[in-house]
Amino acid sequence: MKNIGQMMKQAQQMQAKMAEMQEGLESVEISGGAGGGLVSVTLNGKGEMRALKIDPSLVNADEVEVLEDLVTAAFNDAKAKVEAHMQEEMAKLTGGLKLPPGMSLPF
């Protein structure tokens, strides 16, 4: 029974570290870009958009679709970077422990 008590203690420690990591994600800012840097999107660690920068040379009424595509691409680039950052942080937290397919943290 000593092992179960130790496992419960480890689970509680992991839960506390997980809560700490989630709080820290709000302060992390990651940027993604498109169009060679003409459009930039900054997200926090939770994937919420914090900033959008558009080079003034793109503001042309005849090219709205291009601008929309670049904003979408920049957002997706930033989102992919946020997800990669999350995976790195989770690997640190779990010590590289691989979770079964379909299971993710936080629960």
PDB file of N, CA and C in Angstrom:
ATOM      1  N   MET A   1       0.813  -1.202   0.000  1.00  0.00           N
ATOM      2  CA  MET A   1       0.000   0.000   0.000  1.00  0.00           C
ATOM      3  C   MET A   1       0.856   1.265   0.000  1.00  0.00           C
ATOM      4  N   LYS A   2       2.114   1.116   0.349  1.00  0.00           N
ATOM      5  CA  LYS A   2       3.007   2.269   0.371  1.00  0.00           C
ATOM      6  C   LYS A   2       3.136   2.878  -1.019  1.00  0.00           C
ATOM      7  N   ASN A   3       3.132   2.045  -2.062  1.00  0.00           N
ATOM      8  CA  ASN A   3       3.254   2.524  -3.436  1.00  0.00           C
ATOM      9  C   ASN A   3       2.049   3.368  -3.848  1.00  0.00           C
ATOM     10  N   ILE A   4       0.874   2.986  -3.413  1.00  0.00           N
ATOM     11  CA  ILE A   4      -0.330   3.741  -3.766  1.00  0.00           C
ATOM     12  C   ILE A   4      -0.283   5.126  -3.129  1.00  0.00           C
ATOM     13  N   GLY A   5       0.147   5.191  -1.888  1.00  0.00           N
ATOM     14  CA  GLY A   5       0.273   6.481  -1.215  1.00  0.00           C
ATOM     15  C   GLY A   5       1.290   7.365  -1.918  1.00  0.00           C
ATOM     16  N   GLN A   6       2.378   6.761  -2.352  1.00  0.00           N
ATOM     17  CA  GLN A   6       3.414   7.512  -3.068  1.00  0.00           C
ATOM     18  C   GLN A   6       2.881   7.988  -4.419  1.00  0.00           C
ATOM     19  N   MET A   7       2.118   7.130  -5.104  1.00  0.00           N
ATOM     20  CA  MET A   7       1.530   7.515  -6.389  1.00  0.00           C
ATOM     21  C   MET A   7       0.559   8.673  -6.212  1.00  0.00           C
ATOM     22  N   MET A   8      -0.230   8.650  -5.152  1.00  0.00           N
ATOM     23  CA  MET A   8      -1.190   9.723  -4.898  1.00  0.00           C
ATOM     24  C   MET A   8      -0.455  11.042  -4.633  1.00  0.00           C
ATOM     25  N   LYS A   9       0.639  10.960  -3.883  1.00  0.00           N
ATOM     26  CA  LYS A   9       1.432  12.156  -3.598  1.00  0.00           C
ATOM     27  C   LYS A   9       2.019  12.714  -4.891  1.00  0.00           C
ATOM     28  N   GLN A  10       2.532  11.851  -5.758  1.00  0.00           N
ATOM     29  CA  GLN A  10       3.088  12.281  -7.034  1.00  0.00           C
ATOM     30  C   GLN A  10       2.006  12.899  -7.914  1.00  0.00           C
ATOM     31  N   ALA A  11       0.807  12.312  -7.892  1.00  0.00           N
ATOM     32  CA  ALA A  11      -0.303  12.847  -8.682  1.00  0.00           C
ATOM     33  C   ALA A  11      -0.682  14.245  -8.193  1.00  0.00           C
ATOM     34  N   GLN A  12      -0.685  14.446  -6.892  1.00  0.00           N
ATOM     35  CA  GLN A  12      -0.996  15.764  -6.338  1.00  0.00           C
ATOM     36  C   GLN A  12       0.070  16.785  -6.720  1.00  0.00           C
ATOM     37  N   GLN A  13       1.336  16.365  -6.688  1.00  0.00           N
ATOM     38  CA  GLN A  13       2.424  17.257  -7.082  1.00  0.00           C
ATOM     39  C   GLN A  13       2.297  17.631  -8.554  1.00  0.00           C
ATOM     40  N   MET A  14       1.975  16.645  -9.383  1.00  0.00           N
ATOM     41  CA  MET A  14       1.818  16.899 -10.811  1.00  0.00           C
ATOM     42  C   MET A  14       0.645  17.841 -11.054  1.00  0.00           C
ATOM     43  N   GLN A  15      -0.420  17.658 -10.313  1.00  0.00           N
ATOM     44  CA  GLN A  15      -1.587  18.525 -10.454  1.00  0.00           C
ATOM     45  C   GLN A  15      -1.233  19.961 -10.084  1.00  0.00           C
ATOM     46  N   ALA A  16      -0.460  20.140  -9.027  1.00  0.00           N
ATOM     47  CA  ALA A  16      -0.043  21.481  -8.619  1.00  0.00           C
ATOM     48  C   ALA A  16       0.857  22.113  -9.680  1.00  0.00           C
ATOM     49  N   LYS A  17       1.774  21.327 -10.243  1.00  0.00           N
ATOM     50  CA  LYS A  17       2.656  21.833 -11.299  1.00  0.00           C
ATOM     51  C   LYS A  17       1.848  22.193 -12.546  1.00  0.00           C
ATOM     52  N   MET A  18       0.831  21.399 -12.834  1.00  0.00           N
ATOM     53  CA  MET A  18      -0.027  21.647 -13.987  1.00  0.00           C
ATOM     54  C   MET A  18      -0.782  22.968 -13.817  1.00  0.00           C
ATOM     55  N   ALA A  19      -1.304  23.212 -12.635  1.00  0.00           N
ATOM     56  CA  ALA A  19      -2.019  24.463 -12.369  1.00  0.00           C
ATOM     57  C   ALA A  19      -1.067  25.652 -12.504  1.00  0.00           C
ATOM     58  N   GLU A  20       0.151  25.492 -12.009  1.00  0.00           N
ATOM     59  CA  GLU A  20       1.154  26.549 -12.114  1.00  0.00           C
ATOM     60  C   GLU A  20       1.497  26.821 -13.583  1.00  0.00           C
ATOM     61  N   MET A  21       1.641  25.752 -14.366  1.00  0.00           N
ATOM     62  CA  MET A  21       1.957  25.901 -15.784  1.00  0.00           C
ATOM     63  C   MET A  21       0.830  26.624 -16.516  1.00  0.00           C
ATOM     64  N   GLN A  22      -0.415  26.265 -16.214  1.00  0.00           N
ATOM     65  CA  GLN A  22      -1.555  26.901 -16.874  1.00  0.00           C
ATOM     66  C   GLN A  22      -1.622  28.389 -16.554  1.00  0.00           C
ATOM     67  N   GLU A  23      -1.308  28.765 -15.326  1.00  0.00           N
ATOM     68  CA  GLU A  23      -1.291  30.183 -14.965  1.00  0.00           C
ATOM     69  C   GLU A  23      -0.210  30.917 -15.754  1.00  0.00           C
ATOM     70  N   GLY A  24       0.926  30.270 -15.930  1.00  0.00           N
ATOM     71  CA  GLY A  24       2.030  30.867 -16.657  1.00  0.00           C
ATOM     72  C   GLY A  24       1.755  31.039 -18.138  1.00  0.00           C
ATOM     73  N   LEU A  25       0.859  30.239 -18.685  1.00  0.00           N
ATOM     74  CA  LEU A  25       0.568  30.302 -20.119  1.00  0.00           C
ATOM     75  C   LEU A  25      -0.054  31.637 -20.529  1.00  0.00           C
ATOM     76  N   GLU A  26      -0.755  32.274 -19.619  1.00  0.00           N
ATOM     77  CA  GLU A  26      -1.370  33.559 -19.953  1.00  0.00           C
ATOM     78  C   GLU A  26      -0.323  34.636 -20.203  1.00  0.00           C
ATOM     79  N   SER A  27       0.844  34.496 -19.582  1.00  0.00           N
ATOM     80  CA  SER A  27       1.877  35.519 -19.751  1.00  0.00           C
ATOM     81  C   SER A  27       2.814  35.228 -20.918  1.00  0.00           C
ATOM     82  N   VAL A  28       2.775  34.014 -21.459  1.00  0.00           N
ATOM     83  CA  VAL A  28       3.615  33.662 -22.605  1.00  0.00           C
ATOM     84  C   VAL A  28       3.021  34.289 -23.857  1.00  0.00           C
ATOM     85  N   GLU A  29       3.857  34.932 -24.657  1.00  0.00           N
ATOM     86  CA  GLU A  29       3.392  35.483 -25.930  1.00  0.00           C
ATOM     87  C   GLU A  29       4.244  34.922 -27.051  1.00  0.00           C
ATOM     88  N   ILE A  30       3.576  34.376 -28.062  1.00  0.00           N
ATOM     89  CA  ILE A  30       4.249  33.761 -29.202  1.00  0.00           C
ATOM     90  C   ILE A  30       3.673  34.362 -30.471  1.00  0.00           C
ATOM     91  N   SER A  31       4.575  34.763 -31.373  1.00  0.00           N
ATOM     92  CA  SER A  31       4.140  35.401 -32.622  1.00  0.00           C
ATOM     93  C   SER A  31       4.338  34.479 -33.802  1.00  0.00           C
ATOM     94  N   GLY A  32       3.454  34.629 -34.769  1.00  0.00           N
ATOM     95  CA  GLY A  32       3.559  33.931 -36.044  1.00  0.00           C
ATOM     96  C   GLY A  32       3.406  34.952 -37.148  1.00  0.00           C
ATOM     97  N   GLY A  33       3.970  34.653 -38.288  1.00  0.00           N
ATOM     98  CA  GLY A  33       3.906  35.626 -39.367  1.00  0.00           C
ATOM     99  C   GLY A  33       3.581  34.992 -40.702  1.00  0.00           C
ATOM    100  N   ALA A  34       3.269  35.852 -41.657  1.00  0.00           N
ATOM    101  CA  ALA A  34       2.969  35.427 -43.027  1.00  0.00           C
ATOM    102  C   ALA A  34       3.364  36.550 -43.965  1.00  0.00           C
ATOM    103  N   GLY A  35       3.533  36.189 -45.221  1.00  0.00           N
ATOM    104  CA  GLY A  35       3.856  37.197 -46.228  1.00  0.00           C
ATOM    105  C   GLY A  35       5.218  37.831 -45.995  1.00  0.00           C
ATOM    106  N   GLY A  36       6.165  37.032 -45.529  1.00  0.00           N
ATOM    107  CA  GLY A  36       7.489  37.570 -45.281  1.00  0.00           C
ATOM    108  C   GLY A  36       7.519  38.617 -44.184  1.00  0.00           C
ATOM    109  N   GLY A  37       6.637  38.472 -43.211  1.00  0.00           N
ATOM    110  CA  GLY A  37       6.601  39.401 -42.095  1.00  0.00           C
ATOM    111  C   GLY A  37       5.664  40.573 -42.289  1.00  0.00           C
ATOM    112  N   LEU A  38       4.917  40.588 -43.388  1.00  0.00           N
ATOM    113  CA  LEU A  38       3.984  41.686 -43.622  1.00  0.00           C
ATOM    114  C   LEU A  38       2.784  41.629 -42.681  1.00  0.00           C
ATOM    115  N   VAL A  39       2.452  40.406 -42.227  1.00  0.00           N
ATOM    116  CA  VAL A  39       1.363  40.224 -41.270  1.00  0.00           C
ATOM    117  C   VAL A  39       1.909  39.413 -40.109  1.00  0.00           C
ATOM    118  N   SER A  40       1.631  39.876 -38.897  1.00  0.00           N
ATOM    119  CA  SER A  40       2.106  39.202 -37.696  1.00  0.00           C
ATOM    120  C   SER A  40       0.963  39.094 -36.700  1.00  0.00           C
ATOM    121  N   VAL A  41       0.847  37.915 -36.076  1.00  0.00           N
ATOM    122  CA  VAL A  41      -0.181  37.673 -35.065  1.00  0.00           C
ATOM    123  C   VAL A  41       0.536  37.193 -33.804  1.00  0.00           C
ATOM    124  N   THR A  42       0.151  37.756 -32.667  1.00  0.00           N
ATOM    125  CA  THR A  42       0.717  37.330 -31.388  1.00  0.00           C
ATOM    126  C   THR A  42      -0.396  36.721 -30.548  1.00  0.00           C
ATOM    127  N   LEU A  43      -0.137  35.512 -30.042  1.00  0.00           N
ATOM    128  CA  LEU A  43      -1.089  34.792 -29.197  1.00  0.00           C
ATOM    129  C   LEU A  43      -0.470  34.575 -27.831  1.00  0.00           C
ATOM    130  N   ASN A  44      -1.314  34.421 -26.809  1.00  0.00           N
ATOM    131  CA  ASN A  44      -0.780  33.996 -25.520  1.00  0.00           C
ATOM    132  C   ASN A  44      -0.712  32.469 -25.531  1.00  0.00           C
ATOM    133  N   GLY A  45      -0.216  31.897 -24.459  1.00  0.00           N
ATOM    134  CA  GLY A  45      -0.046  30.453 -24.386  1.00  0.00           C
ATOM    135  C   GLY A  45      -1.335  29.663 -24.402  1.00  0.00           C
ATOM    136  N   LYS A  46      -2.444  30.338 -24.253  1.00  0.00           N
ATOM    137  CA  LYS A  46      -3.744  29.666 -24.309  1.00  0.00           C
ATOM    138  C   LYS A  46      -4.389  29.788 -25.685  1.00  0.00           C
ATOM    139  N   GLY A  47      -3.658  30.409 -26.629  1.00  0.00           N
ATOM    140  CA  GLY A  47      -4.174  30.532 -27.989  1.00  0.00           C
ATOM    141  C   GLY A  47      -5.073  31.733 -28.213  1.00  0.00           C
ATOM    142  N   GLU A  48      -5.109  32.656 -27.255  1.00  0.00           N
ATOM    143  CA  GLU A  48      -5.925  33.863 -27.404  1.00  0.00           C
ATOM    144  C   GLU A  48      -5.102  34.933 -28.114  1.00  0.00           C
ATOM    145  N   MET A  49      -5.685  35.587 -29.119  1.00  0.00           N
ATOM    146  CA  MET A  49      -4.959  36.605 -29.865  1.00  0.00           C
ATOM    147  C   MET A  49      -4.740  37.837 -28.990  1.00  0.00           C
ATOM    148  N   ARG A  50      -3.490  38.289 -28.953  1.00  0.00           N
ATOM    149  CA  ARG A  50      -3.115  39.469 -28.183  1.00  0.00           C
ATOM    150  C   ARG A  50      -2.790  40.656 -29.075  1.00  0.00           C
ATOM    151  N   ALA A  51      -2.298  40.395 -30.284  1.00  0.00           N
ATOM    152  CA  ALA A  51      -1.937  41.502 -31.168  1.00  0.00           C
ATOM    153  C   ALA A  51      -1.989  41.057 -32.617  1.00  0.00           C
ATOM    154  N   LEU A  52      -2.270  42.011 -33.483  1.00  0.00           N
ATOM    155  CA  LEU A  52      -2.286  41.812 -34.928  1.00  0.00           C
ATOM    156  C   LEU A  52      -1.583  43.008 -35.545  1.00  0.00           C
ATOM    157  N   LYS A  53      -0.560  42.740 -36.350  1.00  0.00           N
ATOM    158  CA  LYS A  53       0.147  43.832 -37.023  1.00  0.00           C
ATOM    159  C   LYS A  53       0.093  43.582 -38.524  1.00  0.00           C
ATOM    160  N   ILE A  54      -0.285  44.627 -39.247  1.00  0.00           N
ATOM    161  CA  ILE A  54      -0.397  44.554 -40.701  1.00  0.00           C
ATOM    162  C   ILE A  54       0.435  45.680 -41.288  1.00  0.00           C
ATOM    163  N   ASP A  55       1.350  45.322 -42.182  1.00  0.00           N
ATOM    164  CA  ASP A  55       2.163  46.334 -42.849  1.00  0.00           C
ATOM    165  C   ASP A  55       1.237  47.227 -43.675  1.00  0.00           C
ATOM    166  N   PRO A  56       1.387  48.549 -43.569  1.00  0.00           N
ATOM    167  CA  PRO A  56       0.512  49.479 -44.297  1.00  0.00           C
ATOM    168  C   PRO A  56       0.505  49.261 -45.814  1.00  0.00           C
ATOM    169  N   SER A  57       1.564  48.685 -46.366  1.00  0.00           N
ATOM    170  CA  SER A  57       1.603  48.466 -47.811  1.00  0.00           C
ATOM    171  C   SER A  57       0.547  47.456 -48.267  1.00  0.00           C
ATOM    172  N   LEU A  58       0.007  46.676 -47.350  1.00  0.00           N
ATOM    173  CA  LEU A  58      -1.009  45.677 -47.690  1.00  0.00           C
ATOM    174  C   LEU A  58      -2.425  46.245 -47.719  1.00  0.00           C
ATOM    175  N   VAL A  59      -2.598  47.419 -47.194  1.00  0.00           N
ATOM    176  CA  VAL A  59      -3.937  48.002 -47.101  1.00  0.00           C
ATOM    177  C   VAL A  59      -4.314  48.597 -48.456  1.00  0.00           C
ATOM    178  N   ASN A  60      -5.028  47.773 -49.212  1.00  0.00           N
ATOM    179  CA  ASN A  60      -5.452  48.136 -50.559  1.00  0.00           C
ATOM    180  C   ASN A  60      -6.829  47.508 -50.763  1.00  0.00           C
ATOM    181  N   ALA A  61      -7.801  48.315 -51.054  1.00  0.00           N
ATOM    182  CA  ALA A  61      -9.175  47.836 -51.197  1.00  0.00           C
ATOM    183  C   ALA A  61      -9.311  46.730 -52.238  1.00  0.00           C
ATOM    184  N   ASP A  62      -8.436  46.719 -53.238  1.00  0.00           N
ATOM    185  CA  ASP A  62      -8.512  45.699 -54.284  1.00  0.00           C
ATOM    186  C   ASP A  62      -7.888  44.372 -53.865  1.00  0.00           C
ATOM    187  N   GLU A  63      -7.193  44.365 -52.734  1.00  0.00           N
ATOM    188  CA  GLU A  63      -6.486  43.150 -52.320  1.00  0.00           C
ATOM    189  C   GLU A  63      -6.914  42.673 -50.937  1.00  0.00           C
ATOM    190  N   VAL A  64      -8.160  42.865 -50.601  1.00  0.00           N
ATOM    191  CA  VAL A  64      -8.677  42.456 -49.303  1.00  0.00           C
ATOM    192  C   VAL A  64      -8.536  40.950 -49.109  1.00  0.00           C
ATOM    193  N   GLU A  65      -8.788  40.161 -50.143  1.00  0.00           N
ATOM    194  CA  GLU A  65      -8.691  38.709 -50.010  1.00  0.00           C
ATOM    195  C   GLU A  65      -7.275  38.274 -49.672  1.00  0.00           C
ATOM    196  N   VAL A  66      -6.281  38.913 -50.262  1.00  0.00           N
ATOM    197  CA  VAL A  66      -4.885  38.590 -49.961  1.00  0.00           C
ATOM    198  C   VAL A  66      -4.606  38.892 -48.493  1.00  0.00           C
ATOM    199  N   LEU A  67      -5.065  40.036 -48.018  1.00  0.00           N
ATOM    200  CA  LEU A  67      -4.869  40.416 -46.622  1.00  0.00           C
ATOM    201  C   LEU A  67      -5.544  39.411 -45.683  1.00  0.00           C
ATOM    202  N   GLU A  68      -6.759  39.028 -46.010  1.00  0.00           N
ATOM    203  CA  GLU A  68      -7.473  38.041 -45.190  1.00  0.00           C
ATOM    204  C   GLU A  68      -6.715  36.722 -45.145  1.00  0.00           C
ATOM    205  N   ASP A  69      -6.196  36.279 -46.283  1.00  0.00           N
ATOM    206  CA  ASP A  69      -5.432  35.031 -46.337  1.00  0.00           C
ATOM    207  C   ASP A  69      -4.159  35.121 -45.499  1.00  0.00           C
ATOM    208  N   LEU A  70      -3.492  36.277 -45.550  1.00  0.00           N
ATOM    209  CA  LEU A  70      -2.261  36.449 -44.780  1.00  0.00           C
ATOM    210  C   LEU A  70      -2.535  36.484 -43.275  1.00  0.00           C
ATOM    211  N   VAL A  71      -3.627  37.116 -42.879  1.00  0.00           N
ATOM    212  CA  VAL A  71      -3.989  37.138 -41.460  1.00  0.00           C
ATOM    213  C   VAL A  71      -4.286  35.717 -40.987  1.00  0.00           C
ATOM    214  N   THR A  72      -5.025  34.966 -41.776  1.00  0.00           N
ATOM    215  CA  THR A  72      -5.332  33.575 -41.433  1.00  0.00           C
ATOM    216  C   THR A  72      -4.051  32.757 -41.326  1.00  0.00           C
ATOM    217  N   ALA A  73      -3.151  32.911 -42.278  1.00  0.00           N
ATOM    218  CA  ALA A  73      -1.889  32.168 -42.272  1.00  0.00           C
ATOM    219  C   ALA A  73      -1.034  32.549 -41.059  1.00  0.00           C
ATOM    220  N   ALA A  74      -0.981  33.825 -40.736  1.00  0.00           N
ATOM    221  CA  ALA A  74      -0.195  34.271 -39.579  1.00  0.00           C
ATOM    222  C   ALA A  74      -0.774  33.711 -38.283  1.00  0.00           C
ATOM    223  N   PHE A  75      -2.102  33.720 -38.182  1.00  0.00           N
ATOM    224  CA  PHE A  75      -2.739  33.155 -36.989  1.00  0.00           C
ATOM    225  C   PHE A  75      -2.420  31.674 -36.856  1.00  0.00           C
ATOM    226  N   ASN A  76      -2.555  30.940 -37.959  1.00  0.00           N
ATOM    227  CA  ASN A  76      -2.281  29.507 -37.921  1.00  0.00           C
ATOM    228  C   ASN A  76      -0.818  29.219 -37.580  1.00  0.00           C
ATOM    229  N   ASP A  77       0.102  30.058 -38.068  1.00  0.00           N
ATOM    230  CA  ASP A  77       1.511  29.907 -37.744  1.00  0.00           C
ATOM    231  C   ASP A  77       1.733  30.115 -36.247  1.00  0.00           C
ATOM    232  N   ALA A  78       1.151  31.156 -35.691  1.00  0.00           N
ATOM    233  CA  ALA A  78       1.296  31.423 -34.257  1.00  0.00           C
ATOM    234  C   ALA A  78       0.654  30.307 -33.437  1.00  0.00           C
ATOM    235  N   LYS A  79      -0.503  29.829 -33.851  1.00  0.00           N
ATOM    236  CA  LYS A  79      -1.204  28.764 -33.125  1.00  0.00           C
ATOM    237  C   LYS A  79      -0.369  27.492 -33.102  1.00  0.00           C
ATOM    238  N   ALA A  80       0.271  27.151 -34.223  1.00  0.00           N
ATOM    239  CA  ALA A  80       1.134  25.964 -34.276  1.00  0.00           C
ATOM    240  C   ALA A  80       2.311  26.116 -33.317  1.00  0.00           C
ATOM    241  N   LYS A  81       2.855  27.327 -33.226  1.00  0.00           N
ATOM    242  CA  LYS A  81       3.966  27.571 -32.307  1.00  0.00           C
ATOM    243  C   LYS A  81       3.513  27.467 -30.853  1.00  0.00           C
ATOM    244  N   VAL A  82       2.306  27.939 -30.557  1.00  0.00           N
ATOM    245  CA  VAL A  82       1.763  27.816 -29.202  1.00  0.00           C
ATOM    246  C   VAL A  82       1.600  26.340 -28.850  1.00  0.00           C
ATOM    247  N   GLU A  83       1.073  25.549 -29.771  1.00  0.00           N
ATOM    248  CA  GLU A  83       0.878  24.124 -29.507  1.00  0.00           C
ATOM    249  C   GLU A  83       2.210  23.412 -29.301  1.00  0.00           C
ATOM    250  N   ALA A  84       3.231  23.778 -30.082  1.00  0.00           N
ATOM    251  CA  ALA A  84       4.560  23.191 -29.902  1.00  0.00           C
ATOM    252  C   ALA A  84       5.120  23.561 -28.526  1.00  0.00           C
ATOM    253  N   HIS A  85       4.906  24.821 -28.125  1.00  0.00           N
ATOM    254  CA  HIS A  85       5.359  25.273 -26.806  1.00  0.00           C
ATOM    255  C   HIS A  85       4.661  24.476 -25.701  1.00  0.00           C
ATOM    256  N   MET A  86       3.375  24.267 -25.850  1.00  0.00           N
ATOM    257  CA  MET A  86       2.603  23.486 -24.868  1.00  0.00           C
ATOM    258  C   MET A  86       3.153  22.074 -24.754  1.00  0.00           C
ATOM    259  N   GLN A  87       3.454  21.449 -25.901  1.00  0.00           N
ATOM    260  CA  GLN A  87       3.982  20.089 -25.877  1.00  0.00           C
ATOM    261  C   GLN A  87       5.324  20.033 -25.158  1.00  0.00           C
ATOM    262  N   GLU A  88       6.166  21.048 -25.385  1.00  0.00           N
ATOM    263  CA  GLU A  88       7.455  21.106 -24.693  1.00  0.00           C
ATOM    264  C   GLU A  88       7.252  21.233 -23.186  1.00  0.00           C
ATOM    265  N   GLU A  89       6.334  22.104 -22.792  1.00  0.00           N
ATOM    266  CA  GLU A  89       6.074  22.300 -21.364  1.00  0.00           C
ATOM    267  C   GLU A  89       5.490  21.030 -20.739  1.00  0.00           C
ATOM    268  N   MET A  90       4.611  20.362 -21.446  1.00  0.00           N
ATOM    269  CA  MET A  90       4.021  19.127 -20.931  1.00  0.00           C
ATOM    270  C   MET A  90       5.083  18.042 -20.808  1.00  0.00           C
ATOM    271  N   ALA A  91       6.007  17.987 -21.762  1.00  0.00           N
ATOM    272  CA  ALA A  91       7.083  16.993 -21.698  1.00  0.00           C
ATOM    273  C   ALA A  91       7.947  17.236 -20.466  1.00  0.00           C
ATOM    274  N   LYS A  92       8.191  18.508 -20.145  1.00  0.00           N
ATOM    275  CA  LYS A  92       8.954  18.826 -18.943  1.00  0.00           C
ATOM    276  C   LYS A  92       8.192  18.371 -17.696  1.00  0.00           C
ATOM    277  N   LEU A  93       6.894  18.618 -17.708  1.00  0.00           N
ATOM    278  CA  LEU A  93       6.059  18.307 -16.554  1.00  0.00           C
ATOM    279  C   LEU A  93       5.947  16.808 -16.327  1.00  0.00           C
ATOM    280  N   THR A  94       5.794  16.060 -17.410  1.00  0.00           N
ATOM    281  CA  THR A  94       5.588  14.616 -17.283  1.00  0.00           C
ATOM    282  C   THR A  94       6.887  13.833 -17.379  1.00  0.00           C
ATOM    283  N   GLY A  95       7.994  14.541 -17.527  1.00  0.00           N
ATOM    284  CA  GLY A  95       9.278  13.855 -17.628  1.00  0.00           C
ATOM    285  C   GLY A  95       9.393  13.039 -18.899  1.00  0.00           C
ATOM    286  N   GLY A  96       8.736  13.474 -19.954  1.00  0.00           N
ATOM    287  CA  GLY A  96       8.801  12.769 -21.231  1.00  0.00           C
ATOM    288  C   GLY A  96       7.846  11.594 -21.321  1.00  0.00           C
ATOM    289  N   LEU A  97       7.033  11.402 -20.290  1.00  0.00           N
ATOM    290  CA  LEU A  97       6.066  10.308 -20.281  1.00  0.00           C
ATOM    291  C   LEU A  97       5.093  10.483 -21.430  1.00  0.00           C
ATOM    292  N   LYS A  98       4.961   9.477 -22.261  1.00  0.00           N
ATOM    293  CA  LYS A  98       4.022   9.524 -23.382  1.00  0.00           C
ATOM    294  C   LYS A  98       2.653   9.083 -22.889  1.00  0.00           C
ATOM    295  N   LEU A  99       1.645   9.881 -23.215  1.00  0.00           N
ATOM    296  CA  LEU A  99       0.275   9.529 -22.839  1.00  0.00           C
ATOM    297  C   LEU A  99      -0.341   8.636 -23.908  1.00  0.00           C
ATOM    298  N   PRO A 100      -1.270   7.773 -23.511  1.00  0.00           N
ATOM    299  CA  PRO A 100      -1.943   6.922 -24.490  1.00  0.00           C
ATOM    300  C   PRO A 100      -2.680   7.767 -25.528  1.00  0.00           C
ATOM    301  N   PRO A 101      -2.823   7.243 -26.769  1.00  0.00           N
ATOM    302  CA  PRO A 101      -3.541   7.989 -27.808  1.00  0.00           C
ATOM    303  C   PRO A 101      -4.946   8.378 -27.329  1.00  0.00           C
ATOM    304  N   GLY A 102      -5.322   9.611 -27.624  1.00  0.00           N
ATOM    305  CA  GLY A 102      -6.644  10.088 -27.246  1.00  0.00           C
ATOM    306  C   GLY A 102      -6.709  10.696 -25.864  1.00  0.00           C
ATOM    307  N   MET A 103      -5.638  10.539 -25.083  1.00  0.00           N
ATOM    308  CA  MET A 103      -5.610  11.085 -23.734  1.00  0.00           C
ATOM    309  C   MET A 103      -4.711  12.303 -23.743  1.00  0.00           C
ATOM    310  N   SER A 104      -5.185  13.383 -23.148  1.00  0.00           N
ATOM    311  CA  SER A 104      -4.383  14.592 -23.095  1.00  0.00           C
ATOM    312  C   SER A 104      -4.510  15.237 -21.732  1.00  0.00           C
ATOM    313  N   LEU A 105      -3.531  16.061 -21.412  1.00  0.00           N
ATOM    314  CA  LEU A 105      -3.571  16.832 -20.187  1.00  0.00           C
ATOM    315  C   LEU A 105      -3.744  18.280 -20.562  1.00  0.00           C
ATOM    316  N   PRO A 106      -4.374  19.120 -19.819  1.00  0.00           N
ATOM    317  CA  PRO A 106      -5.087  18.759 -18.613  1.00  0.00           C
ATOM    318  C   PRO A 106      -6.362  17.991 -18.931  1.00  0.00           C
ATOM    319  N   PHE A 107      -6.807  17.207 -17.986  1.00  0.00           N
ATOM    320  CA  PHE A 107      -7.947  16.311 -18.207  1.00  0.00           C
ATOM    321  C   PHE A 107      -9.161  17.084 -18.450  1.00  0.00           C
TER     322      PHE A 107
END
